[in-house]
């Protein structure tokens, strides 16, 4: 009996590795610029040293760290006003995490009870939502940075609604003008990143992806 041709193990792994998924979205933190401010209240902040590519009215996703807390939280933001001449930006934001909102409220309550007290700084960077991704690389949209084709870089990948994150190193392979996109191929992934991908793939399968 002649059986069906068997694919080589390497080829089978490559096929799975290169399957592009659109859901769930992953968030790519390129760690290229971290902004810091003490002028904030729950749901809004003002930057005095902004030199990024967002303009007035732009929506964005970011990664936020509060004071000395080791926790990092994703948020959706809206640039209410950007003054490029004076390098200022006023923005509103909504954290994805209830834990993050509770931590913000806790810190701000100290300020409300003692107006002379200093607020802990907020530190944030822009995170780019994936258009699609696989175990071999990703495509992000709305990228306004300066990475060029062939350039290697490091960053972090985060999964929404979890504390999962992992480091990676990658190389820029293409720019996609239609979505202001940047496509990159992974050069190395940490074990934590593989664990996060496994969780994301299970979410994709559950959603019929």
C-alpha atoms as a PDB file:
ATOM      1  CA  UNK A   1       0.000   0.000   0.000  1.00  0.00           C
ATOM      2  CA  UNK A   2       1.357   3.339  -0.991  1.00  0.00           C
ATOM      3  CA  UNK A   3       0.714   5.977   1.612  1.00  0.00           C
ATOM      4  CA  UNK A   4       0.343   9.690   1.149  1.00  0.00           C
ATOM      5  CA  UNK A   5       3.612  11.585   0.765  1.00  0.00           C
ATOM      6  CA  UNK A   6       4.820  12.779   4.127  1.00  0.00           C
ATOM      7  CA  UNK A   7       5.987  16.365   4.434  1.00  0.00           C
ATOM      8  CA  UNK A   8       9.431  16.821   5.828  1.00  0.00           C
ATOM      9  CA  UNK A   9       9.333  17.840   9.507  1.00  0.00           C
ATOM     10  CA  UNK A  10      11.174  21.066   8.760  1.00  0.00           C
ATOM     11  CA  UNK A  11       8.729  22.025   6.014  1.00  0.00           C
ATOM     12  CA  UNK A  12       5.729  21.270   8.238  1.00  0.00           C
ATOM     13  CA  UNK A  13       7.123  23.407  11.024  1.00  0.00           C
ATOM     14  CA  UNK A  14       7.830  26.217   8.576  1.00  0.00           C
ATOM     15  CA  UNK A  15       4.229  26.129   7.302  1.00  0.00           C
ATOM     16  CA  UNK A  16       2.840  26.468  10.829  1.00  0.00           C
ATOM     17  CA  UNK A  17       5.460  29.047  11.702  1.00  0.00           C
ATOM     18  CA  UNK A  18       4.491  31.256   8.746  1.00  0.00           C
ATOM     19  CA  UNK A  19       0.714  31.140   9.217  1.00  0.00           C
ATOM     20  CA  UNK A  20      -0.296  34.770   9.587  1.00  0.00           C
ATOM     21  CA  UNK A  21      -2.867  35.564  12.252  1.00  0.00           C
ATOM     22  CA  UNK A  22      -4.824  38.780  12.567  1.00  0.00           C
ATOM     23  CA  UNK A  23      -6.412  38.057  15.948  1.00  0.00           C
ATOM     24  CA  UNK A  24      -5.797  38.541  18.740  1.00  0.00           C
ATOM     25  CA  UNK A  25      -3.907  41.775  18.238  1.00  0.00           C
ATOM     26  CA  UNK A  26      -0.461  41.848  19.762  1.00  0.00           C
ATOM     27  CA  UNK A  27       1.159  45.096  20.847  1.00  0.00           C
ATOM     28  CA  UNK A  28       4.730  45.834  19.804  1.00  0.00           C
ATOM     29  CA  UNK A  29       6.712  48.076  22.135  1.00  0.00           C
ATOM     30  CA  UNK A  30       9.800  49.217  20.227  1.00  0.00           C
ATOM     31  CA  UNK A  31      11.195  50.909  23.351  1.00  0.00           C
ATOM     32  CA  UNK A  32      12.533  53.695  21.157  1.00  0.00           C
ATOM     33  CA  UNK A  33      11.245  56.609  23.247  1.00  0.00           C
ATOM     34  CA  UNK A  34       9.921  56.750  26.817  1.00  0.00           C
ATOM     35  CA  UNK A  35       8.118  59.894  27.960  1.00  0.00           C
ATOM     36  CA  UNK A  36       7.805  61.011  31.578  1.00  0.00           C
ATOM     37  CA  UNK A  37       5.351  63.383  33.245  1.00  0.00           C
ATOM     38  CA  UNK A  38       4.137  64.353  36.710  1.00  0.00           C
ATOM     39  CA  UNK A  39       1.252  66.405  35.295  1.00  0.00           C
ATOM     40  CA  UNK A  40      -1.582  63.908  35.251  1.00  0.00           C
ATOM     41  CA  UNK A  41      -4.922  62.853  36.670  1.00  0.00           C
ATOM     42  CA  UNK A  42      -6.769  59.573  36.137  1.00  0.00           C
ATOM     43  CA  UNK A  43      -7.597  59.476  32.434  1.00  0.00           C
ATOM     44  CA  UNK A  44      -5.431  62.376  31.241  1.00  0.00           C
ATOM     45  CA  UNK A  45      -1.876  63.707  31.174  1.00  0.00           C
ATOM     46  CA  UNK A  46       0.245  66.522  29.741  1.00  0.00           C
ATOM     47  CA  UNK A  47       3.742  66.093  28.306  1.00  0.00           C
ATOM     48  CA  UNK A  48       6.275  68.929  28.151  1.00  0.00           C
ATOM     49  CA  UNK A  49       8.938  67.186  26.057  1.00  0.00           C
ATOM     50  CA  UNK A  50       6.939  65.556  23.268  1.00  0.00           C
ATOM     51  CA  UNK A  51       8.777  65.115  19.962  1.00  0.00           C
ATOM     52  CA  UNK A  52       6.909  62.153  18.460  1.00  0.00           C
ATOM     53  CA  UNK A  53       4.825  61.745  15.330  1.00  0.00           C
ATOM     54  CA  UNK A  54       1.303  61.940  16.774  1.00  0.00           C
ATOM     55  CA  UNK A  55      -0.813  64.929  15.807  1.00  0.00           C
ATOM     56  CA  UNK A  56      -3.886  66.579  17.299  1.00  0.00           C
ATOM     57  CA  UNK A  57      -6.836  64.202  17.081  1.00  0.00           C
ATOM     58  CA  UNK A  58      -4.780  61.021  16.630  1.00  0.00           C
ATOM     59  CA  UNK A  59      -5.710  57.863  18.524  1.00  0.00           C
ATOM     60  CA  UNK A  60      -2.927  55.602  19.737  1.00  0.00           C
ATOM     61  CA  UNK A  61      -2.077  52.669  21.999  1.00  0.00           C
ATOM     62  CA  UNK A  62       0.551  52.982  24.694  1.00  0.00           C
ATOM     63  CA  UNK A  63       2.403  51.195  27.468  1.00  0.00           C
ATOM     64  CA  UNK A  64       2.194  52.888  30.872  1.00  0.00           C
ATOM     65  CA  UNK A  65       4.231  52.491  34.048  1.00  0.00           C
ATOM     66  CA  UNK A  66       3.197  54.252  37.256  1.00  0.00           C
ATOM     67  CA  UNK A  67       5.871  55.558  39.606  1.00  0.00           C
ATOM     68  CA  UNK A  68       8.087  52.872  41.081  1.00  0.00           C
ATOM     69  CA  UNK A  69       5.589  50.077  40.477  1.00  0.00           C
ATOM     70  CA  UNK A  70       7.033  47.167  38.462  1.00  0.00           C
ATOM     71  CA  UNK A  71       3.652  46.666  36.760  1.00  0.00           C
ATOM     72  CA  UNK A  72       3.170  47.807  33.156  1.00  0.00           C
ATOM     73  CA  UNK A  73      -0.259  48.474  31.628  1.00  0.00           C
ATOM     74  CA  UNK A  74      -1.602  48.902  28.099  1.00  0.00           C
ATOM     75  CA  UNK A  75      -3.896  51.830  27.363  1.00  0.00           C
ATOM     76  CA  UNK A  76      -5.846  53.455  24.530  1.00  0.00           C
ATOM     77  CA  UNK A  77      -5.035  57.141  24.152  1.00  0.00           C
ATOM     78  CA  UNK A  78      -6.274  60.192  22.257  1.00  0.00           C
ATOM     79  CA  UNK A  79      -4.031  63.176  21.505  1.00  0.00           C
ATOM     80  CA  UNK A  80      -6.383  66.058  22.348  1.00  0.00           C
ATOM     81  CA  UNK A  81      -3.790  68.687  21.456  1.00  0.00           C
ATOM     82  CA  UNK A  82      -0.232  68.567  20.142  1.00  0.00           C
ATOM     83  CA  UNK A  83       1.958  71.683  20.046  1.00  0.00           C
ATOM     84  CA  UNK A  84       5.034  70.788  18.003  1.00  0.00           C
ATOM     85  CA  UNK A  85       6.658  74.206  18.471  1.00  0.00           C
ATOM     86  CA  UNK A  86       6.650  73.992  22.275  1.00  0.00           C
ATOM     87  CA  UNK A  87       6.868  70.179  22.349  1.00  0.00           C
ATOM     88  CA  UNK A  88       3.690  69.738  24.389  1.00  0.00           C
ATOM     89  CA  UNK A  89       0.927  67.165  24.175  1.00  0.00           C
ATOM     90  CA  UNK A  90      -2.313  66.897  26.136  1.00  0.00           C
ATOM     91  CA  UNK A  91      -3.917  63.465  25.941  1.00  0.00           C
ATOM     92  CA  UNK A  92      -6.726  61.420  27.412  1.00  0.00           C
ATOM     93  CA  UNK A  93      -6.331  57.709  28.040  1.00  0.00           C
ATOM     94  CA  UNK A  94      -8.164  54.597  29.195  1.00  0.00           C
ATOM     95  CA  UNK A  95      -6.266  51.691  30.708  1.00  0.00           C
ATOM     96  CA  UNK A  96      -7.102  48.153  29.566  1.00  0.00           C
ATOM     97  CA  UNK A  97      -6.639  46.891  33.136  1.00  0.00           C
ATOM     98  CA  UNK A  98      -8.850  47.329  36.211  1.00  0.00           C
ATOM     99  CA  UNK A  99      -5.738  46.788  38.325  1.00  0.00           C
ATOM    100  CA  UNK A 100      -4.058  49.738  36.610  1.00  0.00           C
ATOM    101  CA  UNK A 101      -7.064  51.992  37.202  1.00  0.00           C
ATOM    102  CA  UNK A 102      -7.067  51.068  40.889  1.00  0.00           C
ATOM    103  CA  UNK A 103      -3.364  51.875  41.152  1.00  0.00           C
ATOM    104  CA  UNK A 104      -3.842  55.263  39.472  1.00  0.00           C
ATOM    105  CA  UNK A 105      -6.726  56.103  41.810  1.00  0.00           C
ATOM    106  CA  UNK A 106      -4.667  55.077  44.839  1.00  0.00           C
ATOM    107  CA  UNK A 107      -1.770  57.379  43.922  1.00  0.00           C
ATOM    108  CA  UNK A 108      -4.049  60.272  42.983  1.00  0.00           C
ATOM    109  CA  UNK A 109      -5.990  60.021  46.260  1.00  0.00           C
ATOM    110  CA  UNK A 110      -2.791  60.988  48.103  1.00  0.00           C
ATOM    111  CA  UNK A 111      -2.608  64.178  46.015  1.00  0.00           C
ATOM    112  CA  UNK A 112      -6.269  65.001  46.645  1.00  0.00           C
ATOM    113  CA  UNK A 113      -5.822  64.596  50.403  1.00  0.00           C
ATOM    114  CA  UNK A 114      -2.570  66.582  50.401  1.00  0.00           C
ATOM    115  CA  UNK A 115      -2.365  69.098  47.515  1.00  0.00           C
ATOM    116  CA  UNK A 116       1.314  69.820  48.266  1.00  0.00           C
ATOM    117  CA  UNK A 117       2.278  66.174  47.733  1.00  0.00           C
ATOM    118  CA  UNK A 118       4.059  65.266  44.507  1.00  0.00           C
ATOM    119  CA  UNK A 119       2.443  62.796  42.165  1.00  0.00           C
ATOM    120  CA  UNK A 120       4.608  59.852  41.120  1.00  0.00           C
ATOM    121  CA  UNK A 121       5.700  60.126  37.490  1.00  0.00           C
ATOM    122  CA  UNK A 122       3.910  58.366  34.670  1.00  0.00           C
ATOM    123  CA  UNK A 123       6.218  56.785  32.106  1.00  0.00           C
ATOM    124  CA  UNK A 124       4.840  55.718  28.765  1.00  0.00           C
ATOM    125  CA  UNK A 125       5.840  54.716  25.276  1.00  0.00           C
ATOM    126  CA  UNK A 126       3.782  54.162  22.139  1.00  0.00           C
ATOM    127  CA  UNK A 127       2.846  50.533  21.385  1.00  0.00           C
ATOM    128  CA  UNK A 128       1.981  49.469  17.846  1.00  0.00           C
ATOM    129  CA  UNK A 129      -0.982  47.176  17.218  1.00  0.00           C
ATOM    130  CA  UNK A 130      -0.283  44.284  14.854  1.00  0.00           C
ATOM    131  CA  UNK A 131      -2.022  44.030  11.480  1.00  0.00           C
ATOM    132  CA  UNK A 132      -0.940  40.387  11.369  1.00  0.00           C
ATOM    133  CA  UNK A 133       1.686  38.198  13.018  1.00  0.00           C
ATOM    134  CA  UNK A 134       3.225  34.728  13.042  1.00  0.00           C
ATOM    135  CA  UNK A 135       6.093  32.955  14.754  1.00  0.00           C
ATOM    136  CA  UNK A 136       8.411  34.290  12.063  1.00  0.00           C
ATOM    137  CA  UNK A 137       7.527  37.988  12.214  1.00  0.00           C
ATOM    138  CA  UNK A 138       4.869  40.704  12.286  1.00  0.00           C
ATOM    139  CA  UNK A 139       3.340  43.653  10.469  1.00  0.00           C
ATOM    140  CA  UNK A 140       2.373  46.724  12.499  1.00  0.00           C
ATOM    141  CA  UNK A 141       0.331  49.687  11.301  1.00  0.00           C
ATOM    142  CA  UNK A 142       0.438  53.449  11.888  1.00  0.00           C
ATOM    143  CA  UNK A 143       4.204  53.393  12.316  1.00  0.00           C
ATOM    144  CA  UNK A 144       5.790  56.839  12.253  1.00  0.00           C
ATOM    145  CA  UNK A 145       9.304  55.979  13.378  1.00  0.00           C
ATOM    146  CA  UNK A 146      12.674  55.944  11.652  1.00  0.00           C
ATOM    147  CA  UNK A 147      13.556  52.252  11.309  1.00  0.00           C
ATOM    148  CA  UNK A 148      14.799  51.437   7.798  1.00  0.00           C
ATOM    149  CA  UNK A 149      14.756  48.238   5.728  1.00  0.00           C
ATOM    150  CA  UNK A 150      17.570  45.941   6.830  1.00  0.00           C
ATOM    151  CA  UNK A 151      17.929  47.588  10.235  1.00  0.00           C
ATOM    152  CA  UNK A 152      17.963  45.292  13.269  1.00  0.00           C
ATOM    153  CA  UNK A 153      16.233  46.267  16.501  1.00  0.00           C
ATOM    154  CA  UNK A 154      14.973  44.924  19.835  1.00  0.00           C
ATOM    155  CA  UNK A 155      11.610  45.307  21.521  1.00  0.00           C
ATOM    156  CA  UNK A 156       8.853  43.727  23.563  1.00  0.00           C
ATOM    157  CA  UNK A 157       5.613  42.044  22.543  1.00  0.00           C
ATOM    158  CA  UNK A 158       2.600  42.349  24.830  1.00  0.00           C
ATOM    159  CA  UNK A 159      -0.701  40.490  24.872  1.00  0.00           C
ATOM    160  CA  UNK A 160      -3.840  42.440  25.749  1.00  0.00           C
ATOM    161  CA  UNK A 161      -5.787  41.638  28.942  1.00  0.00           C
ATOM    162  CA  UNK A 162      -2.813  39.755  30.424  1.00  0.00           C
ATOM    163  CA  UNK A 163       0.522  40.574  32.035  1.00  0.00           C
ATOM    164  CA  UNK A 164       2.279  38.438  29.440  1.00  0.00           C
ATOM    165  CA  UNK A 165       5.176  40.032  27.584  1.00  0.00           C
ATOM    166  CA  UNK A 166       8.367  38.867  25.939  1.00  0.00           C
ATOM    167  CA  UNK A 167      11.535  40.241  24.388  1.00  0.00           C
ATOM    168  CA  UNK A 168      12.551  39.806  20.766  1.00  0.00           C
ATOM    169  CA  UNK A 169      15.152  40.879  18.254  1.00  0.00           C
ATOM    170  CA  UNK A 170      14.116  41.426  14.633  1.00  0.00           C
ATOM    171  CA  UNK A 171      15.069  42.899  11.275  1.00  0.00           C
ATOM    172  CA  UNK A 172      12.971  45.309   9.205  1.00  0.00           C
ATOM    173  CA  UNK A 173      11.933  43.658   5.926  1.00  0.00           C
ATOM    174  CA  UNK A 174       9.452  46.065   4.356  1.00  0.00           C
ATOM    175  CA  UNK A 175       7.377  49.209   4.628  1.00  0.00           C
ATOM    176  CA  UNK A 176       3.686  49.114   3.648  1.00  0.00           C
ATOM    177  CA  UNK A 177       2.502  52.643   2.757  1.00  0.00           C
ATOM    178  CA  UNK A 178      -1.204  51.691   2.585  1.00  0.00           C
ATOM    179  CA  UNK A 179      -1.327  51.127   6.367  1.00  0.00           C
ATOM    180  CA  UNK A 180       1.790  53.133   7.304  1.00  0.00           C
ATOM    181  CA  UNK A 181       3.079  49.675   8.112  1.00  0.00           C
ATOM    182  CA  UNK A 182       6.391  48.141   9.084  1.00  0.00           C
ATOM    183  CA  UNK A 183       7.048  44.440   8.499  1.00  0.00           C
ATOM    184  CA  UNK A 184       9.768  42.651  10.443  1.00  0.00           C
ATOM    185  CA  UNK A 185      11.254  39.161  10.704  1.00  0.00           C
ATOM    186  CA  UNK A 186      12.234  37.737  14.084  1.00  0.00           C
ATOM    187  CA  UNK A 187      15.895  36.951  14.654  1.00  0.00           C
ATOM    188  CA  UNK A 188      15.508  35.666  18.212  1.00  0.00           C
ATOM    189  CA  UNK A 189      12.736  35.132  20.771  1.00  0.00           C
ATOM    190  CA  UNK A 190      12.937  34.474  24.506  1.00  0.00           C
ATOM    191  CA  UNK A 191      11.137  31.518  26.168  1.00  0.00           C
ATOM    192  CA  UNK A 192       8.657  34.013  27.658  1.00  0.00           C
ATOM    193  CA  UNK A 193       7.819  35.215  24.154  1.00  0.00           C
ATOM    194  CA  UNK A 194       7.128  31.673  22.942  1.00  0.00           C
ATOM    195  CA  UNK A 195       4.860  31.145  25.965  1.00  0.00           C
ATOM    196  CA  UNK A 196       2.947  34.313  25.097  1.00  0.00           C
ATOM    197  CA  UNK A 197       2.601  33.217  21.457  1.00  0.00           C
ATOM    198  CA  UNK A 198       1.154  29.898  22.609  1.00  0.00           C
ATOM    199  CA  UNK A 199      -1.522  31.738  24.604  1.00  0.00           C
ATOM    200  CA  UNK A 200      -2.261  34.040  21.647  1.00  0.00           C
ATOM    201  CA  UNK A 201      -2.590  31.091  19.249  1.00  0.00           C
ATOM    202  CA  UNK A 202      -5.068  29.369  21.561  1.00  0.00           C
ATOM    203  CA  UNK A 203      -7.097  32.588  21.642  1.00  0.00           C
ATOM    204  CA  UNK A 204      -7.010  32.700  17.832  1.00  0.00           C
ATOM    205  CA  UNK A 205      -8.183  29.075  17.544  1.00  0.00           C
ATOM    206  CA  UNK A 206     -10.997  29.716  20.028  1.00  0.00           C
ATOM    207  CA  UNK A 207     -12.110  32.682  17.910  1.00  0.00           C
ATOM    208  CA  UNK A 208     -12.025  30.588  14.741  1.00  0.00           C
ATOM    209  CA  UNK A 209      -8.830  32.195  13.410  1.00  0.00           C
END
